[in-house]
Amino acid sequence: MLNLQWQTQEQEFLHQRVMMDAKKLSKEELLQIFEGVHKQYLLHSHLFARLASWCASNKIILPSFEELLAPKEVHHPEENN
């Protein structure tokens, strides 16, 4: 089982809920879901690789995973107006 240190409590709760629901499904239903998730994973991996390649060719340095996944407050640019 994976232990993701960057997973929030809300994400862990949602994951546990999804897993409980998945246990109620038939093998065929699970295979249909797995097929969709796997296709999304492949697309995500391809997009990330293309983004990293584009950034490298344009001399843009991507931030670390720690920086990207650290909790931050987000403020809308127009909030200060």
N, C-alpha and C. Protein backbone atom coordinates (compact mmCIF):
# COMPACT_ATOMS: atom_id res chain seq x y z
N MET A 1 0.84 -1.18 0.00
CA MET A 1 0.00 0.00 0.00
C MET A 1 0.89 1.25 0.00
N LEU A 2 0.57 2.21 -0.82
CA LEU A 2 1.32 3.45 -0.88
C LEU A 2 0.99 4.36 0.27
N ASN A 3 2.00 5.00 0.82
CA ASN A 3 1.79 6.00 1.85
C ASN A 3 2.29 7.33 1.30
N LEU A 4 1.40 8.14 0.80
CA LEU A 4 1.78 9.40 0.19
C LEU A 4 1.86 10.49 1.24
N GLN A 5 3.05 11.00 1.46
CA GLN A 5 3.23 12.01 2.50
C GLN A 5 2.60 13.34 2.11
N TRP A 6 2.30 13.53 0.84
CA TRP A 6 1.72 14.80 0.42
C TRP A 6 0.20 14.74 0.35
N GLN A 7 -0.37 13.65 0.73
CA GLN A 7 -1.82 13.50 0.66
C GLN A 7 -2.45 14.21 1.87
N THR A 8 -3.48 14.99 1.59
CA THR A 8 -4.17 15.69 2.67
C THR A 8 -5.12 14.73 3.37
N GLN A 9 -5.62 15.14 4.53
CA GLN A 9 -6.60 14.31 5.24
C GLN A 9 -7.86 14.12 4.41
N GLU A 10 -8.27 15.18 3.71
CA GLU A 10 -9.46 15.08 2.86
C GLU A 10 -9.24 14.07 1.74
N GLN A 11 -8.04 14.07 1.15
CA GLN A 11 -7.74 13.12 0.08
C GLN A 11 -7.72 11.69 0.62
N GLU A 12 -7.15 11.50 1.80
CA GLU A 12 -7.11 10.17 2.41
C GLU A 12 -8.53 9.68 2.72
N PHE A 13 -9.37 10.57 3.23
CA PHE A 13 -10.76 10.21 3.51
C PHE A 13 -11.48 9.81 2.22
N LEU A 14 -11.32 10.61 1.16
CA LEU A 14 -11.96 10.31 -0.12
C LEU A 14 -11.46 8.98 -0.66
N HIS A 15 -10.15 8.73 -0.54
CA HIS A 15 -9.59 7.47 -1.02
C HIS A 15 -10.22 6.29 -0.28
N GLN A 16 -10.33 6.39 1.04
CA GLN A 16 -10.92 5.31 1.82
C GLN A 16 -12.38 5.08 1.43
N ARG A 17 -13.10 6.15 1.18
CA ARG A 17 -14.50 6.05 0.77
C ARG A 17 -14.62 5.37 -0.59
N VAL A 18 -13.76 5.75 -1.53
CA VAL A 18 -13.77 5.14 -2.86
C VAL A 18 -13.45 3.65 -2.75
N MET A 19 -12.48 3.31 -1.91
CA MET A 19 -12.11 1.90 -1.75
C MET A 19 -13.25 1.08 -1.16
N MET A 20 -13.98 1.66 -0.21
CA MET A 20 -15.13 0.94 0.36
C MET A 20 -16.20 0.71 -0.71
N ASP A 21 -16.44 1.73 -1.56
CA ASP A 21 -17.41 1.59 -2.64
C ASP A 21 -16.93 0.56 -3.67
N ALA A 22 -15.63 0.54 -3.96
CA ALA A 22 -15.08 -0.38 -4.95
C ALA A 22 -15.25 -1.83 -4.52
N LYS A 23 -15.20 -2.08 -3.23
CA LYS A 23 -15.35 -3.45 -2.73
C LYS A 23 -16.74 -4.01 -3.04
N LYS A 24 -17.69 -3.14 -3.33
CA LYS A 24 -19.06 -3.57 -3.61
C LYS A 24 -19.27 -3.91 -5.09
N LEU A 25 -18.29 -3.61 -5.94
CA LEU A 25 -18.45 -3.77 -7.39
C LEU A 25 -18.04 -5.16 -7.86
N SER A 26 -18.57 -5.55 -9.00
CA SER A 26 -18.19 -6.82 -9.62
C SER A 26 -16.83 -6.66 -10.30
N LYS A 27 -16.25 -7.77 -10.69
CA LYS A 27 -14.96 -7.73 -11.38
C LYS A 27 -15.07 -6.93 -12.69
N GLU A 28 -16.14 -7.14 -13.44
CA GLU A 28 -16.33 -6.43 -14.71
C GLU A 28 -16.45 -4.92 -14.48
N GLU A 29 -17.19 -4.52 -13.46
CA GLU A 29 -17.32 -3.09 -13.15
C GLU A 29 -15.97 -2.50 -12.74
N LEU A 30 -15.20 -3.24 -11.96
CA LEU A 30 -13.88 -2.78 -11.56
C LEU A 30 -12.94 -2.65 -12.76
N LEU A 31 -13.03 -3.61 -13.69
CA LEU A 31 -12.19 -3.54 -14.89
C LEU A 31 -12.53 -2.33 -15.75
N GLN A 32 -13.79 -1.99 -15.85
CA GLN A 32 -14.19 -0.79 -16.60
C GLN A 32 -13.60 0.46 -15.96
N ILE A 33 -13.68 0.55 -14.65
CA ILE A 33 -13.12 1.71 -13.94
C ILE A 33 -11.61 1.74 -14.09
N PHE A 34 -10.97 0.57 -13.94
CA PHE A 34 -9.52 0.50 -14.07
C PHE A 34 -9.07 0.95 -15.45
N GLU A 35 -9.81 0.57 -16.48
CA GLU A 35 -9.46 0.97 -17.85
C GLU A 35 -9.48 2.50 -17.98
N GLY A 36 -10.50 3.14 -17.46
CA GLY A 36 -10.58 4.60 -17.53
C GLY A 36 -9.48 5.28 -16.74
N VAL A 37 -9.23 4.78 -15.54
CA VAL A 37 -8.18 5.36 -14.70
C VAL A 37 -6.82 5.19 -15.35
N HIS A 38 -6.57 4.01 -15.92
CA HIS A 38 -5.28 3.76 -16.56
C HIS A 38 -5.07 4.68 -17.75
N LYS A 39 -6.10 4.90 -18.56
CA LYS A 39 -5.99 5.82 -19.70
C LYS A 39 -5.70 7.24 -19.22
N GLN A 40 -6.36 7.66 -18.14
CA GLN A 40 -6.10 9.00 -17.59
C GLN A 40 -4.68 9.11 -17.07
N TYR A 41 -4.18 8.04 -16.43
CA TYR A 41 -2.81 8.02 -15.93
C TYR A 41 -1.82 8.17 -17.08
N LEU A 42 -2.04 7.44 -18.17
CA LEU A 42 -1.14 7.53 -19.32
C LEU A 42 -1.16 8.94 -19.92
N LEU A 43 -2.33 9.53 -20.02
CA LEU A 43 -2.44 10.89 -20.53
C LEU A 43 -1.72 11.87 -19.61
N HIS A 44 -1.95 11.73 -18.32
CA HIS A 44 -1.30 12.59 -17.33
C HIS A 44 0.22 12.47 -17.44
N SER A 45 0.73 11.24 -17.52
CA SER A 45 2.18 11.02 -17.63
C SER A 45 2.73 11.66 -18.90
N HIS A 46 2.01 11.49 -20.00
CA HIS A 46 2.45 12.07 -21.28
C HIS A 46 2.45 13.60 -21.20
N LEU A 47 1.39 14.17 -20.64
CA LEU A 47 1.33 15.63 -20.53
C LEU A 47 2.44 16.17 -19.63
N PHE A 48 2.73 15.48 -18.53
CA PHE A 48 3.79 15.93 -17.63
C PHE A 48 5.15 15.85 -18.33
N ALA A 49 5.39 14.78 -19.06
CA ALA A 49 6.65 14.64 -19.79
C ALA A 49 6.78 15.75 -20.83
N ARG A 50 5.69 16.03 -21.55
CA ARG A 50 5.73 17.11 -22.56
C ARG A 50 5.95 18.47 -21.91
N LEU A 51 5.31 18.72 -20.76
CA LEU A 51 5.49 19.98 -20.04
C LEU A 51 6.94 20.12 -19.58
N ALA A 52 7.49 19.07 -19.00
CA ALA A 52 8.88 19.12 -18.54
C ALA A 52 9.83 19.35 -19.70
N SER A 53 9.59 18.70 -20.82
CA SER A 53 10.43 18.89 -22.01
C SER A 53 10.33 20.31 -22.53
N TRP A 54 9.11 20.84 -22.58
CA TRP A 54 8.91 22.21 -23.06
C TRP A 54 9.63 23.20 -22.14
N CYS A 55 9.49 23.00 -20.84
CA CYS A 55 10.14 23.89 -19.88
C CYS A 55 11.66 23.84 -20.04
N ALA A 56 12.20 22.63 -20.21
CA ALA A 56 13.65 22.49 -20.37
C ALA A 56 14.12 23.18 -21.64
N SER A 57 13.39 23.03 -22.74
CA SER A 57 13.81 23.65 -24.00
C SER A 57 13.65 25.16 -23.97
N ASN A 58 12.80 25.68 -23.06
CA ASN A 58 12.61 27.12 -22.93
C ASN A 58 13.31 27.69 -21.69
N LYS A 59 14.22 26.89 -21.13
CA LYS A 59 15.03 27.30 -19.98
C LYS A 59 14.19 27.75 -18.78
N ILE A 60 13.09 27.05 -18.56
CA ILE A 60 12.23 27.31 -17.41
C ILE A 60 12.44 26.18 -16.42
N ILE A 61 12.78 26.52 -15.19
CA ILE A 61 13.04 25.52 -14.17
C ILE A 61 11.76 25.24 -13.39
N LEU A 62 11.37 23.98 -13.38
CA LEU A 62 10.16 23.59 -12.64
C LEU A 62 10.48 23.56 -11.15
N PRO A 63 9.52 23.95 -10.31
CA PRO A 63 9.74 23.88 -8.86
C PRO A 63 9.78 22.42 -8.40
N SER A 64 10.31 22.20 -7.23
CA SER A 64 10.38 20.85 -6.66
C SER A 64 8.98 20.37 -6.28
N PHE A 65 8.84 19.05 -6.12
CA PHE A 65 7.57 18.51 -5.67
C PHE A 65 7.22 19.04 -4.29
N GLU A 66 8.22 19.19 -3.42
CA GLU A 66 7.96 19.71 -2.08
C GLU A 66 7.32 21.09 -2.15
N GLU A 67 7.84 21.94 -3.05
CA GLU A 67 7.29 23.28 -3.19
C GLU A 67 5.88 23.25 -3.79
N LEU A 68 5.70 22.41 -4.79
CA LEU A 68 4.40 22.33 -5.45
C LEU A 68 3.31 21.77 -4.54
N LEU A 69 3.67 20.82 -3.70
CA LEU A 69 2.68 20.11 -2.90
C LEU A 69 2.55 20.62 -1.48
N ALA A 70 3.36 21.60 -1.12
CA ALA A 70 3.26 22.17 0.23
C ALA A 70 1.96 22.96 0.36
N PRO A 71 1.35 22.93 1.54
CA PRO A 71 0.11 23.71 1.73
C PRO A 71 0.38 25.21 1.56
N LYS A 72 -0.47 25.85 0.81
CA LYS A 72 -0.33 27.29 0.56
C LYS A 72 -1.70 27.92 0.52
N GLU A 73 -1.74 29.19 0.89
CA GLU A 73 -2.96 29.95 0.71
C GLU A 73 -2.93 30.55 -0.69
N VAL A 74 -4.04 30.43 -1.36
CA VAL A 74 -4.13 30.97 -2.71
C VAL A 74 -5.01 32.21 -2.68
N HIS A 75 -4.51 33.28 -3.27
CA HIS A 75 -5.27 34.53 -3.33
C HIS A 75 -5.48 34.90 -4.78
N HIS A 76 -6.71 35.25 -5.10
CA HIS A 76 -7.05 35.67 -6.45
C HIS A 76 -6.37 37.00 -6.73
N PRO A 77 -5.82 37.19 -7.95
CA PRO A 77 -5.11 38.45 -8.27
C PRO A 77 -5.97 39.70 -8.08
N GLU A 78 -7.28 39.60 -8.27
CA GLU A 78 -8.15 40.76 -8.16
C GLU A 78 -8.63 40.98 -6.72
N GLU A 79 -8.20 40.13 -5.80
CA GLU A 79 -8.64 40.22 -4.42
C GLU A 79 -8.19 41.51 -3.74
N ASN A 80 -7.04 42.02 -4.12
CA ASN A 80 -6.48 43.22 -3.50
C ASN A 80 -7.09 44.52 -4.03
N ASN A 81 -7.87 44.43 -5.08
CA ASN A 81 -8.45 45.65 -5.69
C ASN A 81 -9.73 46.04 -5.01
